[in-house]
Amino acid sequence: MMKKNAIIFILILILSILSVACSGVIDRLDLPEPSDIQPTETLVNKPSDTPIPPSALPSDEPTPTPTPSTAPVPETFTLLAAGDVMAHSDNLRAAYDSESGLYDFSENYIHVSPLISNADFSLVNLETVTAGPESGYTSYPLFNTPAAIVDALSEAGFTALVTANNHTLDRGKEGIYKTLQEIDRTGLLHTGTYTDEGLNYLEYDFRGYNISILAYTQHLNGNEPLLDESDKYMVNVMNLEKISDDIRTAAEDSSLVVVYLHWGNEYTRSEEDWQRSYAVSLFEAGADVILGTHPHVIRPAETMIVDGEIKYVIYSMGNFISNFIRTDRRENAIYTEDGVMVQLTFDIDESGNFSLSNARHIPTWPYKYEDNKGLHYEIIPIVNPDERLHENDYADSEARKSYERTMETLGSFSIR
């Protein structure tokens, strides 16, 4: 009996101990509600859907030393200019399509268009008027050309046309009005002639920098009486004092001042004595570039240092497209086939100052030929004389000869 009671006592004692232990376990597993659970940083071993980039993995390579930042490369502005665009009788004949009765001059520029389009600003001298068909399309001595010539220049990539030259008044004031209307229609800019009195030069915005383009002519072929005194503003005529004043006005709020001058004697290959001193005066007034036209042959180019700045002048760029040919009975006739595109590059520093850093001369030669489709003109640029210039042997050979004549005049050119 005593043994039975001892066993019962031991069982009661064991149950009491287990009861206390279980009570402690339940107290420690008193979990919070789901809404109280916060994210934890301990889940770093959880698989991720986003792969770890190699750059984030540990590397045995030493950490490279940061490279110091270099000074920003200067911004640049490229100006491309060409000489005289004319439409003699054969130029008109080549552009005419007898089936449609329309004119198309675009073929003239198929080889030079990429060079024109790549410039930040490009301009050329339109030495004719587009007064409409009413008075007839004519060549020398009183030019009037279909407006398609303006369309072709626009398609070629030009930014602006110069309209001040000795043929500006070939159709009087009406010719000026209609020519500027046709230019405006294409979206091209223009400088040198005007329909309204006011600012007599072109202002062009290049990335916030103001570029001014001024244009003047020395000659009007005796047509000055076609303008009344009140209409003199319509054409910029060369006058040193007036041009200098215009340049000073333009220079006040311009980063670059470019002046086109239709000047000098025709068919002579050297600049006149007065032209160099004239250029110096314009540079001292604030001009940066002077581009010459009118002689119909190429004349020399040079740079000058004025007030510590490099200035550029070319006294004539020759003909860009015309029917002047070597068989003409005039002085230096063979040189009238030659032209040059002037490509000027300016560096722009952090203060917005423009400085001439490169002057490149690209000679051109107009290839005139006839086939079963009719008469054609193509301007060939001689970018690299060591390469084939044209698929036609004659064109290739004559373009090279033209290049040699041009470089004989311009020589090796460098910025100094």
Protein backbone atom coordinates (compact mmCIF):
# COMPACT_ATOMS: atom_id res chain seq x y z
CA MET A 1 0.00 0.00 0.00
CA MET A 2 2.83 2.39 0.91
CA LYS A 3 4.56 1.47 -2.36
CA LYS A 4 1.41 2.33 -4.36
CA ASN A 5 1.08 5.69 -2.63
CA ALA A 6 4.73 6.51 -3.42
CA ILE A 7 4.16 5.85 -7.14
CA ILE A 8 1.08 8.11 -7.20
CA PHE A 9 3.04 10.92 -5.55
CA ILE A 10 5.83 10.70 -8.11
CA LEU A 11 3.32 10.86 -11.01
CA ILE A 12 1.63 13.98 -9.55
CA LEU A 13 5.05 15.66 -9.20
CA ILE A 14 6.02 14.95 -12.84
CA LEU A 15 2.70 16.35 -14.17
CA SER A 16 3.17 19.57 -12.20
CA ILE A 17 6.65 20.16 -13.66
CA LEU A 18 5.41 19.58 -17.25
CA SER A 19 2.52 22.00 -16.73
CA VAL A 20 4.85 24.82 -15.68
CA ALA A 21 7.25 24.19 -18.63
CA CYS A 22 4.47 24.21 -21.25
CA SER A 23 3.08 27.43 -19.84
CA GLY A 24 6.50 29.15 -20.43
CA VAL A 25 6.73 27.97 -24.03
CA ILE A 26 3.27 29.30 -24.89
CA ASP A 27 4.16 32.71 -23.41
CA ARG A 28 7.28 33.00 -25.68
CA LEU A 29 5.25 32.09 -28.89
CA ASP A 30 2.74 34.90 -28.41
CA LEU A 31 3.09 36.17 -32.12
CA PRO A 32 2.00 39.64 -33.29
CA GLU A 33 -0.82 40.24 -35.76
CA PRO A 34 0.17 40.14 -39.47
CA SER A 35 -0.24 43.92 -39.79
CA ASP A 36 2.53 44.49 -37.23
CA ILE A 37 5.21 42.63 -39.22
CA GLN A 38 7.90 44.93 -40.69
CA PRO A 39 10.41 44.13 -43.48
CA THR A 40 13.73 42.87 -42.26
CA GLU A 41 17.25 43.24 -43.71
CA THR A 42 18.04 39.68 -42.74
CA LEU A 43 16.48 38.32 -45.98
CA VAL A 44 19.67 38.88 -47.97
CA ASN A 45 19.83 35.28 -49.19
CA LYS A 46 16.43 35.40 -50.84
CA PRO A 47 16.78 34.74 -54.62
CA SER A 48 16.39 37.90 -56.75
CA ASP A 49 14.78 38.29 -60.18
CA THR A 50 17.30 41.05 -61.06
CA PRO A 51 20.78 39.76 -61.91
CA ILE A 52 23.66 41.46 -60.18
CA PRO A 53 25.75 43.43 -62.70
CA PRO A 54 29.41 42.40 -62.98
CA SER A 55 30.45 45.85 -61.81
CA ALA A 56 28.72 45.18 -58.48
CA LEU A 57 30.60 41.94 -57.83
CA PRO A 58 33.80 41.87 -55.80
CA SER A 59 36.92 42.33 -57.94
CA ASP A 60 40.55 41.51 -57.40
CA GLU A 61 41.54 44.48 -59.58
CA PRO A 62 42.68 47.63 -57.76
CA THR A 63 40.29 50.59 -57.85
CA PRO A 64 41.41 52.89 -60.68
CA THR A 65 42.41 56.46 -59.91
CA PRO A 66 39.77 58.91 -61.26
CA THR A 67 40.93 60.73 -64.44
CA PRO A 68 40.89 64.52 -64.05
CA SER A 69 38.22 66.17 -66.24
CA THR A 70 39.60 67.86 -69.39
CA ALA A 71 38.67 71.31 -70.65
CA PRO A 72 35.60 71.35 -72.94
CA VAL A 73 36.27 71.23 -76.68
CA PRO A 74 35.49 74.63 -78.23
CA GLU A 75 32.27 74.95 -80.17
CA THR A 76 32.75 75.72 -83.87
CA PHE A 77 30.97 77.62 -86.63
CA THR A 78 31.56 76.80 -90.31
CA LEU A 79 30.89 79.31 -93.08
CA LEU A 80 30.86 78.25 -96.75
CA ALA A 81 30.72 80.81 -99.56
CA ALA A 82 30.81 80.66 -103.35
CA GLY A 83 30.98 83.16 -106.21
CA ASP A 84 28.65 84.09 -109.04
CA VAL A 85 25.57 82.13 -110.09
CA MET A 86 24.54 83.16 -113.59
CA ALA A 87 22.19 81.90 -116.27
CA HIS A 88 23.43 82.54 -119.78
CA SER A 89 21.56 81.27 -122.84
CA ASP A 90 23.04 77.77 -122.72
CA ASN A 91 22.36 77.51 -118.99
CA LEU A 92 18.72 78.29 -119.71
CA ARG A 93 18.65 75.77 -122.55
CA ALA A 94 20.12 73.03 -120.37
CA ALA A 95 17.57 73.63 -117.62
CA TYR A 96 14.54 73.62 -119.93
CA ASP A 97 12.39 70.50 -120.33
CA SER A 98 10.52 70.80 -123.63
CA GLU A 99 8.00 68.11 -122.68
CA SER A 100 6.83 69.77 -119.47
CA GLY A 101 7.70 73.34 -120.42
CA LEU A 102 9.42 73.73 -117.04
CA TYR A 103 12.94 74.65 -115.92
CA ASP A 104 15.10 72.69 -113.51
CA PHE A 105 18.61 73.81 -112.50
CA SER A 106 19.14 71.22 -109.77
CA GLU A 107 21.51 69.09 -111.87
CA ASN A 108 24.13 71.86 -111.57
CA TYR A 109 24.65 71.14 -107.87
CA ILE A 110 24.51 67.36 -107.50
CA HIS A 111 28.24 67.06 -106.68
CA VAL A 112 28.60 70.13 -104.45
CA SER A 113 25.38 69.85 -102.48
CA PRO A 114 26.86 67.72 -99.64
CA LEU A 115 29.58 70.32 -99.02
CA ILE A 116 27.03 73.13 -99.02
CA SER A 117 24.60 71.33 -96.70
CA ASN A 118 27.29 70.41 -94.18
CA ALA A 119 28.19 74.02 -93.42
CA ASP A 120 26.53 75.85 -90.53
CA PHE A 121 25.88 78.78 -92.87
CA SER A 122 26.33 78.90 -96.65
CA LEU A 123 25.76 81.67 -99.16
CA VAL A 124 26.33 82.49 -102.83
CA ASN A 125 25.86 85.46 -105.17
CA LEU A 126 22.70 85.29 -107.31
CA GLU A 127 23.75 87.39 -110.29
CA THR A 128 20.41 87.58 -112.02
CA VAL A 129 16.80 88.44 -111.19
CA THR A 130 13.65 86.34 -111.26
CA ALA A 131 11.13 88.88 -112.51
CA GLY A 132 8.73 86.31 -113.98
CA PRO A 133 7.95 85.13 -117.52
CA GLU A 134 5.96 88.20 -118.56
CA SER A 135 9.01 90.10 -119.81
CA GLY A 136 10.69 86.96 -121.12
CA TYR A 137 13.62 84.93 -119.86
CA THR A 138 16.83 86.50 -121.07
CA SER A 139 20.60 86.29 -120.72
CA TYR A 140 23.23 89.03 -120.99
CA PRO A 141 23.05 92.01 -120.96
CA LEU A 142 19.72 92.14 -119.08
CA PHE A 143 19.24 88.92 -117.15
CA ASN A 144 15.89 87.46 -116.16
CA THR A 145 15.87 83.83 -115.05
CA PRO A 146 13.07 81.38 -114.12
CA ALA A 147 12.43 81.18 -110.38
CA ALA A 148 13.46 77.52 -110.60
CA ILE A 149 17.04 78.74 -110.20
CA VAL A 150 16.20 79.80 -106.65
CA ASP A 151 14.54 76.44 -105.94
CA ALA A 152 17.71 74.65 -107.08
CA LEU A 153 19.91 76.76 -104.78
CA SER A 154 17.58 76.01 -101.89
CA GLU A 155 17.64 72.28 -102.64
CA ALA A 156 21.43 72.40 -102.88
CA GLY A 157 21.52 73.45 -99.23
CA PHE A 158 22.35 77.15 -99.28
CA THR A 159 21.26 79.23 -96.30
CA ALA A 160 21.20 82.65 -97.98
CA LEU A 161 21.62 84.44 -101.30
CA VAL A 162 23.45 87.70 -101.99
CA THR A 163 21.39 89.94 -104.28
CA ALA A 164 23.53 93.10 -104.56
CA ASN A 165 25.45 93.04 -107.87
CA ASN A 166 25.68 94.82 -111.20
CA HIS A 167 22.61 92.96 -112.55
CA THR A 168 20.35 93.77 -109.59
CA LEU A 169 18.37 96.36 -111.61
CA ASP A 170 18.16 94.41 -114.89
CA ARG A 171 14.35 94.50 -114.50
CA GLY A 172 14.15 97.67 -112.44
CA LYS A 173 12.48 97.92 -109.05
CA GLU A 174 9.90 95.30 -110.05
CA GLY A 175 12.71 92.83 -110.61
CA ILE A 176 13.95 93.38 -107.06
CA TYR A 177 10.47 92.91 -105.59
CA LYS A 178 9.77 89.71 -107.49
CA THR A 179 13.23 88.24 -106.89
CA LEU A 180 12.94 88.70 -103.14
CA GLN A 181 9.42 87.23 -103.20
CA GLU A 182 10.73 84.09 -104.90
CA ILE A 183 13.61 83.80 -102.43
CA ASP A 184 11.25 84.21 -99.49
CA ARG A 185 8.97 81.57 -100.98
CA THR A 186 11.71 78.96 -100.75
CA GLY A 187 12.68 79.87 -97.20
CA LEU A 188 16.12 81.08 -98.21
CA LEU A 189 17.49 84.20 -96.55
CA HIS A 190 18.92 87.15 -98.51
CA THR A 191 21.02 90.27 -98.15
CA GLY A 192 21.97 93.23 -100.34
CA THR A 193 18.58 94.35 -101.72
CA TYR A 194 15.39 95.28 -99.86
CA THR A 195 11.72 96.01 -100.38
CA ASP A 196 11.39 98.05 -97.20
CA GLU A 197 13.56 100.71 -95.64
CA GLY A 198 15.22 99.70 -92.38
CA LEU A 199 17.92 97.22 -91.44
CA ASN A 200 20.13 96.81 -94.53
CA TYR A 201 21.92 93.61 -93.60
CA LEU A 202 21.06 90.06 -92.61
CA GLU A 203 21.18 88.87 -89.02
CA TYR A 204 21.37 85.12 -88.47
CA ASP A 205 21.02 83.36 -85.13
CA PHE A 206 23.43 80.46 -84.66
CA ARG A 207 22.81 78.73 -81.31
CA GLY A 208 22.28 82.07 -79.63
CA TYR A 209 25.19 83.80 -81.41
CA ASN A 210 24.35 86.61 -83.84
CA ILE A 211 26.00 86.45 -87.28
CA SER A 212 25.69 89.54 -89.52
CA ILE A 213 25.99 89.30 -93.33
CA LEU A 214 26.38 92.57 -95.26
CA ALA A 215 26.48 92.85 -99.07
CA TYR A 216 27.24 95.76 -101.42
CA THR A 217 27.88 96.32 -105.13
CA GLN A 218 30.29 98.73 -106.80
CA HIS A 219 28.44 98.70 -110.12
CA LEU A 220 24.83 98.80 -111.34
CA ASN A 221 25.57 98.85 -115.09
CA GLY A 222 24.35 102.42 -115.40
CA ASN A 223 20.88 101.55 -114.10
CA GLU A 224 21.02 103.84 -111.06
CA PRO A 225 18.41 106.25 -112.59
CA LEU A 226 15.83 103.45 -112.29
CA LEU A 227 15.74 104.20 -108.57
CA ASP A 228 14.20 107.41 -107.30
CA GLU A 229 15.99 109.19 -104.51
CA SER A 230 13.44 107.78 -102.08
CA ASP A 231 14.16 104.26 -103.33
CA LYS A 232 17.95 104.28 -102.92
CA TYR A 233 17.59 102.04 -99.85
CA MET A 234 16.58 99.13 -102.14
CA VAL A 235 20.18 98.38 -103.18
CA ASN A 236 23.32 98.52 -101.07
CA VAL A 237 25.85 100.47 -103.16
CA MET A 238 29.50 100.57 -102.12
CA ASN A 239 30.55 103.64 -100.16
CA LEU A 240 33.41 103.27 -97.70
CA GLU A 241 31.99 105.58 -95.06
CA LYS A 242 28.50 104.05 -95.26
CA ILE A 243 29.77 100.45 -95.18
CA SER A 244 32.05 101.24 -92.22
CA ASP A 245 29.12 102.73 -90.31
CA ASP A 246 26.99 99.67 -91.08
CA ILE A 247 29.78 97.36 -89.91
CA ARG A 248 30.20 99.25 -86.64
CA THR A 249 26.45 99.02 -86.03
CA ALA A 250 26.38 95.29 -86.81
CA ALA A 251 29.47 94.59 -84.71
CA GLU A 252 27.84 96.00 -81.58
CA ASP A 253 25.68 92.90 -81.13
CA SER A 254 27.30 90.35 -83.47
CA SER A 255 29.81 87.61 -82.82
CA LEU A 256 30.85 87.58 -86.49
CA VAL A 257 30.56 90.18 -89.28
CA VAL A 258 30.83 88.95 -92.90
CA VAL A 259 30.92 91.38 -95.85
CA TYR A 260 30.25 90.44 -99.50
CA LEU A 261 31.63 92.96 -102.00
CA HIS A 262 30.77 92.85 -105.72
CA TRP A 263 33.79 94.88 -106.82
CA GLY A 264 36.83 95.31 -109.04
CA ASN A 265 37.53 95.06 -112.76
CA GLU A 266 36.29 92.08 -114.72
CA TYR A 267 38.62 89.34 -116.02
CA THR A 268 41.74 90.58 -114.21
CA ARG A 269 43.41 88.07 -111.91
CA SER A 270 45.06 90.38 -109.36
CA GLU A 271 43.44 92.65 -106.84
CA GLU A 272 43.61 96.40 -107.45
CA ASP A 273 45.77 98.52 -105.15
CA TRP A 274 42.79 100.29 -103.64
CA GLN A 275 41.04 97.04 -102.70
CA ARG A 276 43.59 96.03 -100.10
CA SER A 277 43.45 99.37 -98.29
CA TYR A 278 39.65 99.25 -98.58
CA ALA A 279 39.66 95.83 -96.90
CA VAL A 280 41.92 97.10 -94.11
CA SER A 281 39.51 99.95 -93.43
CA LEU A 282 36.56 97.57 -93.21
CA PHE A 283 38.47 95.23 -90.90
CA GLU A 284 39.35 98.16 -88.65
CA ALA A 285 35.63 99.06 -88.56
CA GLY A 286 34.86 95.57 -87.22
CA ALA A 287 34.45 93.23 -90.23
CA ASP A 288 35.86 89.71 -89.80
CA VAL A 289 35.53 88.30 -93.33
CA ILE A 290 35.42 89.92 -96.79
CA LEU A 291 34.25 87.82 -99.76
CA GLY A 292 34.74 89.26 -103.24
CA THR A 293 32.81 88.63 -106.47
CA HIS A 294 32.36 90.22 -109.93
CA PRO A 295 35.68 89.78 -111.82
CA HIS A 296 34.54 86.31 -113.06
CA VAL A 297 38.02 84.95 -112.35
CA ILE A 298 39.64 83.91 -109.09
CA ARG A 299 41.83 86.44 -107.31
CA PRO A 300 44.21 85.95 -104.35
CA ALA A 301 43.19 85.51 -100.72
CA GLU A 302 45.01 86.58 -97.60
CA THR A 303 44.72 86.94 -93.85
CA MET A 304 45.54 90.04 -91.84
CA ILE A 305 46.02 90.64 -88.13
CA VAL A 306 43.89 93.58 -87.01
CA ASP A 307 43.62 94.45 -83.32
CA GLY A 308 45.09 91.06 -82.49
CA GLU A 309 42.45 89.14 -84.48
CA ILE A 310 42.85 87.12 -87.69
CA LYS A 311 40.83 88.55 -90.58
CA TYR A 312 40.25 86.87 -93.96
CA VAL A 313 39.71 88.36 -97.42
CA ILE A 314 39.44 86.81 -100.87
CA TYR A 315 39.31 89.40 -103.64
CA SER A 316 37.27 87.23 -106.01
CA MET A 317 35.82 83.71 -105.85
CA GLY A 318 35.24 83.51 -109.61
CA ASN A 319 32.20 81.93 -111.24
CA PHE A 320 30.28 79.17 -109.50
CA ILE A 321 28.03 78.40 -112.48
CA SER A 322 27.80 80.28 -115.79
CA ASN A 323 28.50 79.76 -119.48
CA PHE A 324 31.80 81.62 -119.44
CA ILE A 325 34.13 79.32 -121.37
CA ARG A 326 37.72 79.31 -122.64
CA THR A 327 36.70 80.00 -126.26
CA ASP A 328 35.21 83.38 -125.35
CA ARG A 329 37.07 86.27 -126.95
CA ARG A 330 37.98 88.04 -123.73
CA GLU A 331 41.03 88.46 -121.52
CA ASN A 332 41.88 85.39 -119.41
CA ALA A 333 38.93 83.50 -120.90
CA ILE A 334 40.11 80.08 -119.70
CA TYR A 335 40.19 81.34 -116.10
CA THR A 336 36.48 82.22 -116.27
CA GLU A 337 35.75 78.50 -116.04
CA ASP A 338 37.29 78.36 -112.57
CA GLY A 339 35.59 78.93 -109.24
CA VAL A 340 36.34 78.30 -105.58
CA MET A 341 34.25 77.56 -102.53
CA VAL A 342 35.65 79.15 -99.38
CA GLN A 343 35.15 77.14 -96.19
CA LEU A 344 36.02 79.04 -93.00
CA THR A 345 35.96 77.46 -89.54
CA PHE A 346 35.74 79.54 -86.38
CA ASP A 347 36.37 78.32 -82.85
CA ILE A 348 33.97 79.66 -80.22
CA ASP A 349 35.39 79.93 -76.73
CA GLU A 350 33.48 79.78 -73.42
CA SER A 351 32.98 83.57 -73.53
CA GLY A 352 31.35 83.36 -76.97
CA ASN A 353 34.30 84.85 -78.88
CA PHE A 354 34.76 83.67 -82.49
CA SER A 355 38.30 83.15 -83.81
CA LEU A 356 39.26 81.94 -87.29
CA SER A 357 40.98 78.58 -86.95
CA ASN A 358 40.95 77.22 -90.52
CA ALA A 359 40.50 78.49 -94.07
CA ARG A 360 39.98 75.86 -96.76
CA HIS A 361 39.73 76.53 -100.49
CA ILE A 362 37.77 74.01 -102.58
CA PRO A 363 38.27 74.68 -106.32
CA THR A 364 35.33 74.01 -108.66
CA TRP A 365 34.96 73.49 -112.39
CA PRO A 366 31.66 73.42 -114.38
CA TYR A 367 31.41 70.37 -116.59
CA LYS A 368 29.35 71.18 -119.66
CA TYR A 369 28.36 68.29 -121.93
CA GLU A 370 25.64 67.15 -124.28
CA ASP A 371 24.11 63.69 -124.75
CA ASN A 372 20.94 62.23 -126.25
CA LYS A 373 18.94 63.84 -123.43
CA GLY A 374 20.25 67.32 -124.15
CA LEU A 375 22.68 69.83 -122.64
CA HIS A 376 23.97 69.49 -119.07
CA TYR A 377 26.02 71.36 -116.46
CA GLU A 378 27.56 69.83 -113.34
CA ILE A 379 29.80 71.71 -110.91
CA ILE A 380 32.71 69.44 -109.95
CA PRO A 381 34.41 70.19 -106.60
CA ILE A 382 38.09 69.26 -106.38
CA VAL A 383 38.24 68.20 -102.72
CA ASN A 384 41.13 65.78 -103.18
CA PRO A 385 43.06 65.94 -106.48
CA ASP A 386 44.67 62.57 -105.72
CA GLU A 387 41.28 60.87 -106.15
CA ARG A 388 39.19 60.33 -109.24
CA LEU A 389 37.17 63.52 -109.78
CA HIS A 390 34.57 62.33 -112.32
CA GLU A 391 33.73 59.12 -114.14
CA ASN A 392 34.18 60.89 -117.47
CA ASP A 393 37.85 61.07 -118.50
CA TYR A 394 37.55 64.50 -120.09
CA ALA A 395 35.78 65.95 -117.05
CA ASP A 396 38.34 64.40 -114.72
CA SER A 397 41.25 65.80 -116.72
CA GLU A 398 39.84 69.32 -117.14
CA ALA A 399 38.84 69.56 -113.49
CA ARG A 400 42.46 68.79 -112.55
CA LYS A 401 43.72 71.52 -114.87
CA SER A 402 41.24 73.92 -113.31
CA TYR A 403 42.50 72.94 -109.87
CA GLU A 404 46.08 73.73 -110.91
CA ARG A 405 45.07 77.15 -112.27
CA THR A 406 43.19 77.97 -109.07
CA MET A 407 45.98 76.89 -106.76
CA GLU A 408 48.43 78.88 -108.87
CA THR A 409 46.44 81.96 -107.85
CA LEU A 410 45.65 81.03 -104.25
CA GLY A 411 48.89 79.18 -103.51
CA SER A 412 49.48 77.33 -100.26
CA PHE A 413 47.30 79.01 -97.72
CA SER A 414 47.61 78.98 -93.95
CA ILE A 415 46.21 80.88 -91.00
CA ARG A 416 48.80 83.21 -89.52
